[in-house]
N, C-alpha and C. Protein backbone atom coordinates (compact mmCIF):
# COMPACT_ATOMS: atom_id res chain seq x y z
N MET A 1 164.28 64.72 149.25
CA MET A 1 163.61 63.43 149.13
C MET A 1 163.82 62.90 147.71
N PRO A 2 164.30 61.66 147.54
CA PRO A 2 164.51 61.11 146.20
C PRO A 2 163.20 60.93 145.45
N PHE A 3 163.31 61.04 144.12
CA PHE A 3 162.12 60.91 143.29
C PHE A 3 161.71 59.45 143.19
N SER A 4 160.45 59.17 143.39
CA SER A 4 159.91 57.82 143.19
C SER A 4 158.48 57.97 142.71
N PRO A 5 157.91 56.92 142.13
CA PRO A 5 156.53 57.02 141.66
C PRO A 5 155.56 57.44 142.76
N ALA A 6 155.88 57.10 144.00
CA ALA A 6 154.99 57.45 145.11
C ALA A 6 154.99 58.94 145.41
N THR A 7 156.03 59.67 144.99
CA THR A 7 156.11 61.10 145.30
C THR A 7 155.58 61.96 144.17
N ARG A 8 155.00 61.38 143.14
CA ARG A 8 154.42 62.17 142.06
C ARG A 8 153.17 62.89 142.53
N GLY A 9 152.76 63.85 141.75
CA GLY A 9 151.49 64.52 142.04
C GLY A 9 151.63 65.64 143.04
N ARG A 10 150.61 65.82 143.83
CA ARG A 10 150.51 66.94 144.76
C ARG A 10 151.70 67.00 145.71
N GLU A 11 152.16 65.83 146.21
CA GLU A 11 153.25 65.82 147.19
C GLU A 11 154.57 66.31 146.60
N SER A 12 154.79 66.12 145.30
CA SER A 12 156.07 66.50 144.71
C SER A 12 156.05 67.93 144.17
N GLY A 13 154.94 68.62 144.31
CA GLY A 13 154.84 69.98 143.83
C GLY A 13 154.41 70.09 142.38
N LYS A 14 154.13 68.96 141.74
CA LYS A 14 153.68 69.02 140.35
C LYS A 14 152.25 69.54 140.29
N THR A 15 151.99 70.29 139.25
CA THR A 15 150.63 70.75 139.03
C THR A 15 149.85 69.64 138.33
N ALA A 16 148.54 69.78 138.30
CA ALA A 16 147.70 68.80 137.62
C ALA A 16 148.05 68.75 136.14
N LEU A 17 148.36 69.89 135.57
CA LEU A 17 148.74 69.95 134.16
C LEU A 17 150.03 69.17 133.91
N MET A 18 151.02 69.35 134.78
CA MET A 18 152.29 68.64 134.63
C MET A 18 152.09 67.13 134.80
N TYR A 19 151.32 66.75 135.79
CA TYR A 19 151.08 65.34 136.05
C TYR A 19 150.34 64.69 134.88
N ALA A 20 149.31 65.36 134.36
CA ALA A 20 148.56 64.84 133.21
C ALA A 20 149.44 64.74 131.98
N THR A 21 150.32 65.71 131.79
CA THR A 21 151.26 65.66 130.66
C THR A 21 152.17 64.46 130.77
N ASP A 22 152.67 64.19 131.97
CA ASP A 22 153.51 63.00 132.19
C ASP A 22 152.75 61.72 131.85
N LEU A 23 151.51 61.64 132.29
CA LEU A 23 150.71 60.45 132.01
C LEU A 23 150.49 60.26 130.51
N LEU A 24 150.11 61.35 129.84
CA LEU A 24 149.80 61.27 128.41
C LEU A 24 151.06 61.05 127.56
N ALA A 25 152.21 61.37 128.10
CA ALA A 25 153.46 61.11 127.36
C ALA A 25 153.73 59.62 127.27
N ARG A 26 153.21 58.85 128.21
CA ARG A 26 153.45 57.41 128.23
C ARG A 26 152.48 56.63 127.36
N ARG A 27 151.19 57.03 127.38
CA ARG A 27 150.17 56.33 126.60
C ARG A 27 148.92 57.18 126.51
N ALA A 28 148.01 56.78 125.63
CA ALA A 28 146.74 57.50 125.50
C ALA A 28 145.82 57.11 126.67
N TYR A 29 145.01 58.06 127.07
CA TYR A 29 144.02 57.83 128.12
C TYR A 29 142.67 58.28 127.61
N GLY A 30 141.62 57.65 128.12
CA GLY A 30 140.28 58.16 127.90
C GLY A 30 140.07 59.34 128.83
N GLU A 31 139.10 60.18 128.49
CA GLU A 31 138.86 61.39 129.28
C GLU A 31 138.51 61.06 130.72
N ALA A 32 137.58 60.14 130.91
CA ALA A 32 137.15 59.78 132.27
C ALA A 32 138.29 59.13 133.05
N GLU A 33 139.10 58.34 132.36
CA GLU A 33 140.22 57.67 133.02
C GLU A 33 141.26 58.68 133.50
N LEU A 34 141.57 59.68 132.68
CA LEU A 34 142.54 60.70 133.08
C LEU A 34 142.00 61.52 134.25
N LEU A 35 140.75 61.87 134.19
CA LEU A 35 140.12 62.61 135.29
C LEU A 35 140.21 61.81 136.59
N LYS A 36 139.95 60.52 136.51
CA LYS A 36 140.01 59.65 137.68
C LYS A 36 141.43 59.59 138.24
N LYS A 37 142.43 59.51 137.35
CA LYS A 37 143.83 59.48 137.79
C LYS A 37 144.22 60.77 138.51
N LEU A 38 143.79 61.89 137.96
CA LEU A 38 144.11 63.18 138.59
C LEU A 38 143.46 63.29 139.96
N ARG A 39 142.20 62.89 140.05
CA ARG A 39 141.49 62.95 141.33
C ARG A 39 142.14 62.02 142.36
N ALA A 40 142.57 60.84 141.90
CA ALA A 40 143.20 59.88 142.81
C ALA A 40 144.53 60.40 143.34
N LYS A 41 145.17 61.28 142.59
CA LYS A 41 146.45 61.85 143.01
C LYS A 41 146.27 63.03 143.94
N GLY A 42 145.02 63.41 144.19
CA GLY A 42 144.78 64.47 145.17
C GLY A 42 144.49 65.83 144.59
N PHE A 43 144.37 65.94 143.30
CA PHE A 43 144.05 67.24 142.69
C PHE A 43 142.56 67.52 142.83
N ALA A 44 142.21 68.79 142.96
CA ALA A 44 140.81 69.20 143.12
C ALA A 44 140.00 68.86 141.88
N ALA A 45 138.72 68.64 142.08
CA ALA A 45 137.84 68.26 140.98
C ALA A 45 137.81 69.33 139.89
N ASP A 46 137.70 70.61 140.30
CA ASP A 46 137.66 71.70 139.31
C ASP A 46 138.96 71.79 138.53
N GLU A 47 140.07 71.68 139.23
CA GLU A 47 141.38 71.75 138.58
C GLU A 47 141.56 70.57 137.60
N SER A 48 141.13 69.40 138.02
CA SER A 48 141.25 68.20 137.17
C SER A 48 140.39 68.33 135.92
N ARG A 49 139.15 68.79 136.09
CA ARG A 49 138.26 68.98 134.92
C ARG A 49 138.81 70.03 133.96
N GLU A 50 139.40 71.07 134.52
CA GLU A 50 139.98 72.14 133.70
C GLU A 50 141.13 71.59 132.83
N VAL A 51 141.97 70.75 133.41
CA VAL A 51 143.08 70.16 132.67
C VAL A 51 142.56 69.25 131.56
N VAL A 52 141.57 68.43 131.88
CA VAL A 52 140.99 67.53 130.88
C VAL A 52 140.38 68.34 129.74
N GLU A 53 139.66 69.40 130.08
CA GLU A 53 139.06 70.26 129.06
C GLU A 53 140.13 70.91 128.17
N LYS A 54 141.22 71.36 128.80
CA LYS A 54 142.30 72.00 128.05
C LYS A 54 142.91 71.02 127.04
N PHE A 55 143.18 69.79 127.49
CA PHE A 55 143.75 68.79 126.59
C PHE A 55 142.77 68.38 125.50
N ARG A 56 141.49 68.31 125.84
CA ARG A 56 140.47 67.95 124.85
C ARG A 56 140.37 69.04 123.78
N ALA A 57 140.38 70.30 124.22
CA ALA A 57 140.27 71.43 123.29
C ALA A 57 141.46 71.49 122.33
N LYS A 58 142.63 71.09 122.81
CA LYS A 58 143.83 71.11 121.95
C LYS A 58 143.94 69.86 121.09
N GLY A 59 143.03 68.90 121.28
CA GLY A 59 143.06 67.66 120.50
C GLY A 59 144.08 66.65 120.99
N ILE A 60 144.62 66.88 122.17
CA ILE A 60 145.61 65.97 122.74
C ILE A 60 144.94 64.77 123.41
N LEU A 61 143.77 64.99 123.93
CA LEU A 61 143.04 63.97 124.67
C LEU A 61 141.70 63.70 123.99
N SER A 62 141.47 62.44 123.64
CA SER A 62 140.16 62.08 123.12
C SER A 62 139.94 60.59 123.32
N ASP A 63 138.69 60.23 123.49
CA ASP A 63 138.36 58.82 123.63
C ASP A 63 138.67 58.07 122.34
N LEU A 64 138.56 58.76 121.20
CA LEU A 64 138.84 58.13 119.91
C LEU A 64 140.31 57.70 119.82
N SER A 65 141.23 58.55 120.22
CA SER A 65 142.65 58.17 120.15
C SER A 65 142.96 57.07 121.16
N PHE A 66 142.29 57.09 122.29
CA PHE A 66 142.46 56.03 123.29
C PHE A 66 142.01 54.68 122.70
N VAL A 67 140.86 54.69 122.01
CA VAL A 67 140.36 53.45 121.41
C VAL A 67 141.26 53.01 120.26
N GLU A 68 141.81 53.96 119.51
CA GLU A 68 142.77 53.60 118.45
C GLU A 68 143.93 52.80 119.03
N GLN A 69 144.44 53.25 120.17
CA GLN A 69 145.53 52.54 120.83
C GLN A 69 145.09 51.15 121.26
N LEU A 70 143.88 51.04 121.80
CA LEU A 70 143.38 49.74 122.24
C LEU A 70 143.21 48.78 121.06
N VAL A 71 142.72 49.28 119.93
CA VAL A 71 142.53 48.43 118.75
C VAL A 71 143.89 47.93 118.25
N ARG A 72 144.89 48.80 118.25
CA ARG A 72 146.24 48.37 117.85
C ARG A 72 146.76 47.29 118.79
N GLU A 73 146.52 47.47 120.08
CA GLU A 73 146.94 46.46 121.07
C GLU A 73 146.21 45.14 120.85
N ALA A 74 144.92 45.21 120.54
CA ALA A 74 144.14 43.99 120.28
C ALA A 74 144.69 43.26 119.05
N GLN A 75 145.02 44.01 118.02
CA GLN A 75 145.56 43.39 116.81
C GLN A 75 146.93 42.77 117.08
N ARG A 76 147.75 43.46 117.82
CA ARG A 76 149.11 42.99 118.09
C ARG A 76 149.10 41.76 119.01
N SER A 77 148.23 41.75 120.00
CA SER A 77 148.29 40.68 121.00
C SER A 77 147.22 39.60 120.82
N GLY A 78 146.37 39.73 119.80
CA GLY A 78 145.36 38.70 119.56
C GLY A 78 144.23 38.75 120.57
N ARG A 79 143.53 39.87 120.61
CA ARG A 79 142.41 40.06 121.53
C ARG A 79 141.14 40.36 120.74
N GLY A 80 140.00 40.03 121.32
CA GLY A 80 138.73 40.19 120.63
C GLY A 80 137.90 41.34 121.14
N ARG A 81 136.69 41.40 120.60
CA ARG A 81 135.74 42.48 120.86
C ARG A 81 135.41 42.65 122.35
N PHE A 82 135.17 41.54 123.05
CA PHE A 82 134.80 41.63 124.47
C PHE A 82 135.95 42.19 125.30
N TRP A 83 137.19 41.88 124.94
CA TRP A 83 138.35 42.44 125.63
C TRP A 83 138.36 43.95 125.45
N LEU A 84 138.15 44.39 124.20
CA LEU A 84 138.14 45.83 123.92
C LEU A 84 137.02 46.54 124.69
N LEU A 85 135.82 45.97 124.65
CA LEU A 85 134.69 46.59 125.36
C LEU A 85 134.96 46.67 126.86
N ASN A 86 135.58 45.64 127.42
CA ASN A 86 135.90 45.65 128.84
C ASN A 86 136.92 46.73 129.18
N LYS A 87 137.96 46.86 128.35
CA LYS A 87 138.97 47.90 128.58
C LYS A 87 138.34 49.30 128.48
N MET A 88 137.43 49.48 127.54
CA MET A 88 136.77 50.79 127.41
C MET A 88 135.86 51.06 128.60
N ARG A 89 135.18 50.04 129.08
CA ARG A 89 134.32 50.21 130.25
C ARG A 89 135.16 50.59 131.46
N GLU A 90 136.32 49.92 131.62
CA GLU A 90 137.22 50.25 132.73
C GLU A 90 137.73 51.69 132.64
N ALA A 91 137.85 52.20 131.41
CA ALA A 91 138.34 53.58 131.21
C ALA A 91 137.21 54.61 131.31
N GLY A 92 136.00 54.15 131.57
CA GLY A 92 134.88 55.07 131.76
C GLY A 92 134.14 55.45 130.49
N ILE A 93 134.33 54.69 129.42
CA ILE A 93 133.61 54.96 128.17
C ILE A 93 132.32 54.16 128.19
N GLU A 94 131.19 54.85 127.98
CA GLU A 94 129.89 54.20 128.01
C GLU A 94 129.75 53.21 126.86
N SER A 95 128.94 52.16 127.06
CA SER A 95 128.84 51.09 126.06
C SER A 95 128.29 51.57 124.72
N ALA A 96 127.35 52.50 124.73
CA ALA A 96 126.81 53.01 123.46
C ALA A 96 127.89 53.74 122.68
N ALA A 97 128.68 54.53 123.36
CA ALA A 97 129.78 55.25 122.71
C ALA A 97 130.89 54.28 122.29
N ALA A 98 131.08 53.21 123.06
CA ALA A 98 132.14 52.24 122.76
C ALA A 98 131.92 51.60 121.40
N ASP A 99 130.69 51.20 121.10
CA ASP A 99 130.40 50.58 119.80
C ASP A 99 130.70 51.55 118.66
N ASP A 100 130.30 52.80 118.82
CA ASP A 100 130.58 53.81 117.79
C ASP A 100 132.08 54.01 117.60
N LEU A 101 132.81 54.05 118.70
CA LEU A 101 134.26 54.25 118.62
C LEU A 101 134.94 53.07 117.95
N LEU A 102 134.46 51.86 118.18
CA LEU A 102 135.03 50.69 117.51
C LEU A 102 134.79 50.76 116.01
N LEU A 103 133.59 51.17 115.62
CA LEU A 103 133.30 51.29 114.19
C LEU A 103 134.14 52.38 113.53
N LYS A 104 134.36 53.48 114.23
CA LYS A 104 135.20 54.56 113.69
C LYS A 104 136.64 54.10 113.51
N ASN A 105 137.04 53.09 114.27
CA ASN A 105 138.39 52.54 114.17
C ASN A 105 138.42 51.28 113.29
N ASP A 106 137.38 51.10 112.50
CA ASP A 106 137.29 49.97 111.57
C ASP A 106 137.43 48.62 112.27
N PHE A 107 136.94 48.51 113.49
CA PHE A 107 136.94 47.23 114.18
C PHE A 107 135.53 46.67 114.09
N ASP A 108 135.36 45.74 113.15
CA ASP A 108 134.06 45.10 112.96
C ASP A 108 134.24 43.60 113.06
N ALA A 109 133.20 42.84 112.71
CA ALA A 109 133.25 41.38 112.82
C ALA A 109 134.34 40.78 111.94
N ASP A 110 134.54 41.35 110.75
CA ASP A 110 135.58 40.82 109.85
C ASP A 110 136.98 41.05 110.42
N THR A 111 137.18 42.21 111.03
CA THR A 111 138.47 42.51 111.65
C THR A 111 138.74 41.56 112.81
N GLU A 112 137.72 41.35 113.64
CA GLU A 112 137.88 40.44 114.77
C GLU A 112 138.17 39.02 114.29
N LEU A 113 137.50 38.60 113.23
CA LEU A 113 137.73 37.27 112.67
C LEU A 113 139.17 37.14 112.17
N ALA A 114 139.66 38.15 111.47
CA ALA A 114 141.05 38.11 110.97
C ALA A 114 142.04 38.04 112.12
N ILE A 115 141.80 38.81 113.18
CA ILE A 115 142.68 38.77 114.36
C ILE A 115 142.63 37.38 114.99
N GLY A 116 141.42 36.85 115.12
CA GLY A 116 141.25 35.52 115.71
C GLY A 116 141.94 34.43 114.91
N GLN A 117 141.82 34.48 113.60
CA GLN A 117 142.46 33.48 112.75
C GLN A 117 143.98 33.57 112.84
N HIS A 118 144.49 34.79 112.84
CA HIS A 118 145.94 34.98 112.95
C HIS A 118 146.44 34.46 114.30
N TYR A 119 145.73 34.81 115.37
CA TYR A 119 146.13 34.35 116.70
C TYR A 119 146.05 32.83 116.79
N PHE A 120 144.98 32.25 116.28
CA PHE A 120 144.79 30.79 116.32
C PHE A 120 145.93 30.09 115.61
N ALA A 121 146.27 30.56 114.41
CA ALA A 121 147.34 29.93 113.63
C ALA A 121 148.68 30.06 114.36
N ARG A 122 148.92 31.20 114.96
CA ARG A 122 150.17 31.43 115.67
C ARG A 122 150.25 30.62 116.96
N HIS A 123 149.14 30.56 117.68
CA HIS A 123 149.15 29.93 119.01
C HIS A 123 148.97 28.41 118.94
N PHE A 124 148.09 27.96 118.08
CA PHE A 124 147.79 26.53 118.02
C PHE A 124 148.45 25.86 116.82
N GLY A 125 148.34 26.49 115.64
CA GLY A 125 148.95 25.95 114.43
C GLY A 125 148.65 24.48 114.25
N ALA A 126 149.66 23.73 113.92
CA ALA A 126 149.51 22.29 113.72
C ALA A 126 150.05 21.52 114.92
N LYS A 127 150.23 22.19 116.05
CA LYS A 127 150.82 21.56 117.22
C LYS A 127 149.92 20.51 117.85
N GLU A 128 148.63 20.74 117.81
CA GLU A 128 147.72 19.88 118.55
C GLU A 128 146.61 19.36 117.65
N ASP A 129 146.12 18.19 118.01
CA ASP A 129 144.96 17.65 117.32
C ASP A 129 143.73 18.15 118.07
N LEU A 130 143.14 19.19 117.54
CA LEU A 130 142.00 19.80 118.22
C LEU A 130 140.68 19.08 117.94
N ASN A 131 140.75 17.95 117.27
CA ASN A 131 139.53 17.16 117.08
C ASN A 131 139.22 16.32 118.31
N GLU A 132 140.16 16.25 119.26
CA GLU A 132 139.88 15.59 120.53
C GLU A 132 139.03 16.56 121.35
N PRO A 133 137.91 16.07 121.89
CA PRO A 133 136.97 16.98 122.59
C PRO A 133 137.60 17.82 123.70
N LYS A 134 138.47 17.25 124.52
CA LYS A 134 139.04 18.00 125.63
C LYS A 134 139.97 19.11 125.12
N LYS A 135 140.78 18.81 124.13
CA LYS A 135 141.68 19.81 123.58
C LYS A 135 140.91 20.89 122.83
N ARG A 136 139.88 20.49 122.14
CA ARG A 136 139.03 21.43 121.42
C ARG A 136 138.36 22.39 122.40
N ALA A 137 137.82 21.85 123.48
CA ALA A 137 137.17 22.69 124.49
C ALA A 137 138.17 23.64 125.14
N ALA A 138 139.38 23.16 125.41
CA ALA A 138 140.40 24.01 126.00
C ALA A 138 140.77 25.16 125.05
N ALA A 139 140.89 24.85 123.77
CA ALA A 139 141.21 25.89 122.78
C ALA A 139 140.09 26.92 122.70
N MET A 140 138.85 26.45 122.74
CA MET A 140 137.71 27.38 122.68
C MET A 140 137.67 28.27 123.92
N ARG A 141 137.93 27.69 125.09
CA ARG A 141 137.97 28.49 126.32
C ARG A 141 139.11 29.51 126.26
N HIS A 142 140.23 29.10 125.69
CA HIS A 142 141.37 30.00 125.56
C HIS A 142 140.99 31.22 124.70
N LEU A 143 140.37 30.98 123.57
CA LEU A 143 139.94 32.08 122.69
C LEU A 143 138.89 32.95 123.38
N GLN A 144 137.99 32.31 124.11
CA GLN A 144 136.97 33.07 124.84
C GLN A 144 137.62 33.95 125.90
N GLY A 145 138.65 33.45 126.57
CA GLY A 145 139.36 34.22 127.58
C GLY A 145 140.12 35.40 126.99
N ARG A 146 140.40 35.36 125.70
CA ARG A 146 141.07 36.47 125.03
C ARG A 146 140.07 37.48 124.48
N GLY A 147 138.78 37.26 124.77
CA GLY A 147 137.77 38.25 124.43
C GLY A 147 137.10 38.08 123.09
N PHE A 148 137.26 36.93 122.45
CA PHE A 148 136.60 36.72 121.16
C PHE A 148 135.16 36.30 121.37
N THR A 149 134.29 36.74 120.45
CA THR A 149 132.88 36.38 120.51
C THR A 149 132.70 34.92 120.10
N SER A 150 131.59 34.32 120.49
CA SER A 150 131.36 32.91 120.18
C SER A 150 131.29 32.67 118.67
N GLY A 151 130.73 33.61 117.92
CA GLY A 151 130.66 33.46 116.47
C GLY A 151 132.04 33.42 115.84
N VAL A 152 132.93 34.27 116.32
CA VAL A 152 134.30 34.30 115.82
C VAL A 152 135.03 33.01 116.21
N ILE A 153 134.84 32.56 117.44
CA ILE A 153 135.49 31.32 117.88
C ILE A 153 135.06 30.16 116.99
N TYR A 154 133.76 30.08 116.71
CA TYR A 154 133.24 29.01 115.86
C TYR A 154 133.90 29.05 114.48
N LYS A 155 133.95 30.23 113.87
CA LYS A 155 134.53 30.36 112.53
C LYS A 155 136.03 30.08 112.53
N VAL A 156 136.72 30.52 113.57
CA VAL A 156 138.16 30.29 113.67
C VAL A 156 138.45 28.80 113.82
N MET A 157 137.70 28.14 114.66
CA MET A 157 137.90 26.70 114.86
C MET A 157 137.61 25.93 113.57
N ARG A 158 136.55 26.32 112.88
CA ARG A 158 136.20 25.68 111.60
C ARG A 158 137.30 25.88 110.58
N ALA A 159 137.79 27.10 110.47
CA ALA A 159 138.85 27.41 109.51
C ALA A 159 140.16 26.72 109.90
N GLY A 160 140.32 26.44 111.20
CA GLY A 160 141.52 25.77 111.68
C GLY A 160 141.51 24.28 111.48
N GLY A 161 140.47 23.76 110.85
CA GLY A 161 140.43 22.34 110.53
C GLY A 161 139.77 21.45 111.55
N VAL A 162 139.07 22.03 112.51
CA VAL A 162 138.36 21.22 113.49
C VAL A 162 137.12 20.65 112.81
N ASP A 163 137.00 19.31 112.84
CA ASP A 163 135.95 18.63 112.08
C ASP A 163 134.55 18.93 112.60
N ASP A 164 134.27 18.52 113.81
CA ASP A 164 132.92 18.69 114.34
C ASP A 164 133.02 19.35 115.70
N LEU A 165 132.62 20.59 115.78
CA LEU A 165 132.78 21.34 117.02
C LEU A 165 131.93 20.82 118.16
N PHE A 166 130.77 20.30 117.85
CA PHE A 166 129.83 19.93 118.92
C PHE A 166 129.53 18.45 118.93
N GLU A 167 130.51 17.67 118.56
CA GLU A 167 130.35 16.22 118.55
C GLU A 167 130.26 15.73 119.99
N LEU A 168 129.24 14.96 120.27
CA LEU A 168 129.08 14.41 121.61
C LEU A 168 129.76 13.05 121.67
N THR A 169 130.61 12.87 122.63
CA THR A 169 131.31 11.60 122.78
C THR A 169 131.14 11.10 124.20
N GLU A 170 131.19 9.80 124.35
CA GLU A 170 131.12 9.22 125.69
C GLU A 170 132.51 8.85 126.12
N ASP A 171 132.88 9.27 127.30
CA ASP A 171 134.24 8.96 127.82
C ASP A 171 134.24 7.71 128.63
């Protein structure tokens, strides 16, 4: 039978350890996320937990390294705090632990603001007159969709030269 992604795991004769090694070779995973992947591939719960414990004990698997990767991705692609928190929640990291992990990775309000300003300058720059209410609202929604907090959006728009963010106009 030819090798394909569908034949990985239990059906291809790979052990849970081999399958987890393949996954971790591609990118970092959170502990709960890796456990979920192993279980979804058909490996027994005990075997899956044993593999996760083995990788954790060797320092190969940790939620901290997973969050480090996410923070780098946020910086590279222009994403905010809410995007990071959502990705961590999807990976099974509890919200209380998520905040601590972000702080350990030096992701604070100033970091998010710097990422937002860089993304805003790159994406919007001087291309558009964002003092028009419809364009301003679209830009704010765009930043919100990228996971930036409202405080960061306000500061980024202000720094980007938008005169009055909440000017009421009649159309």
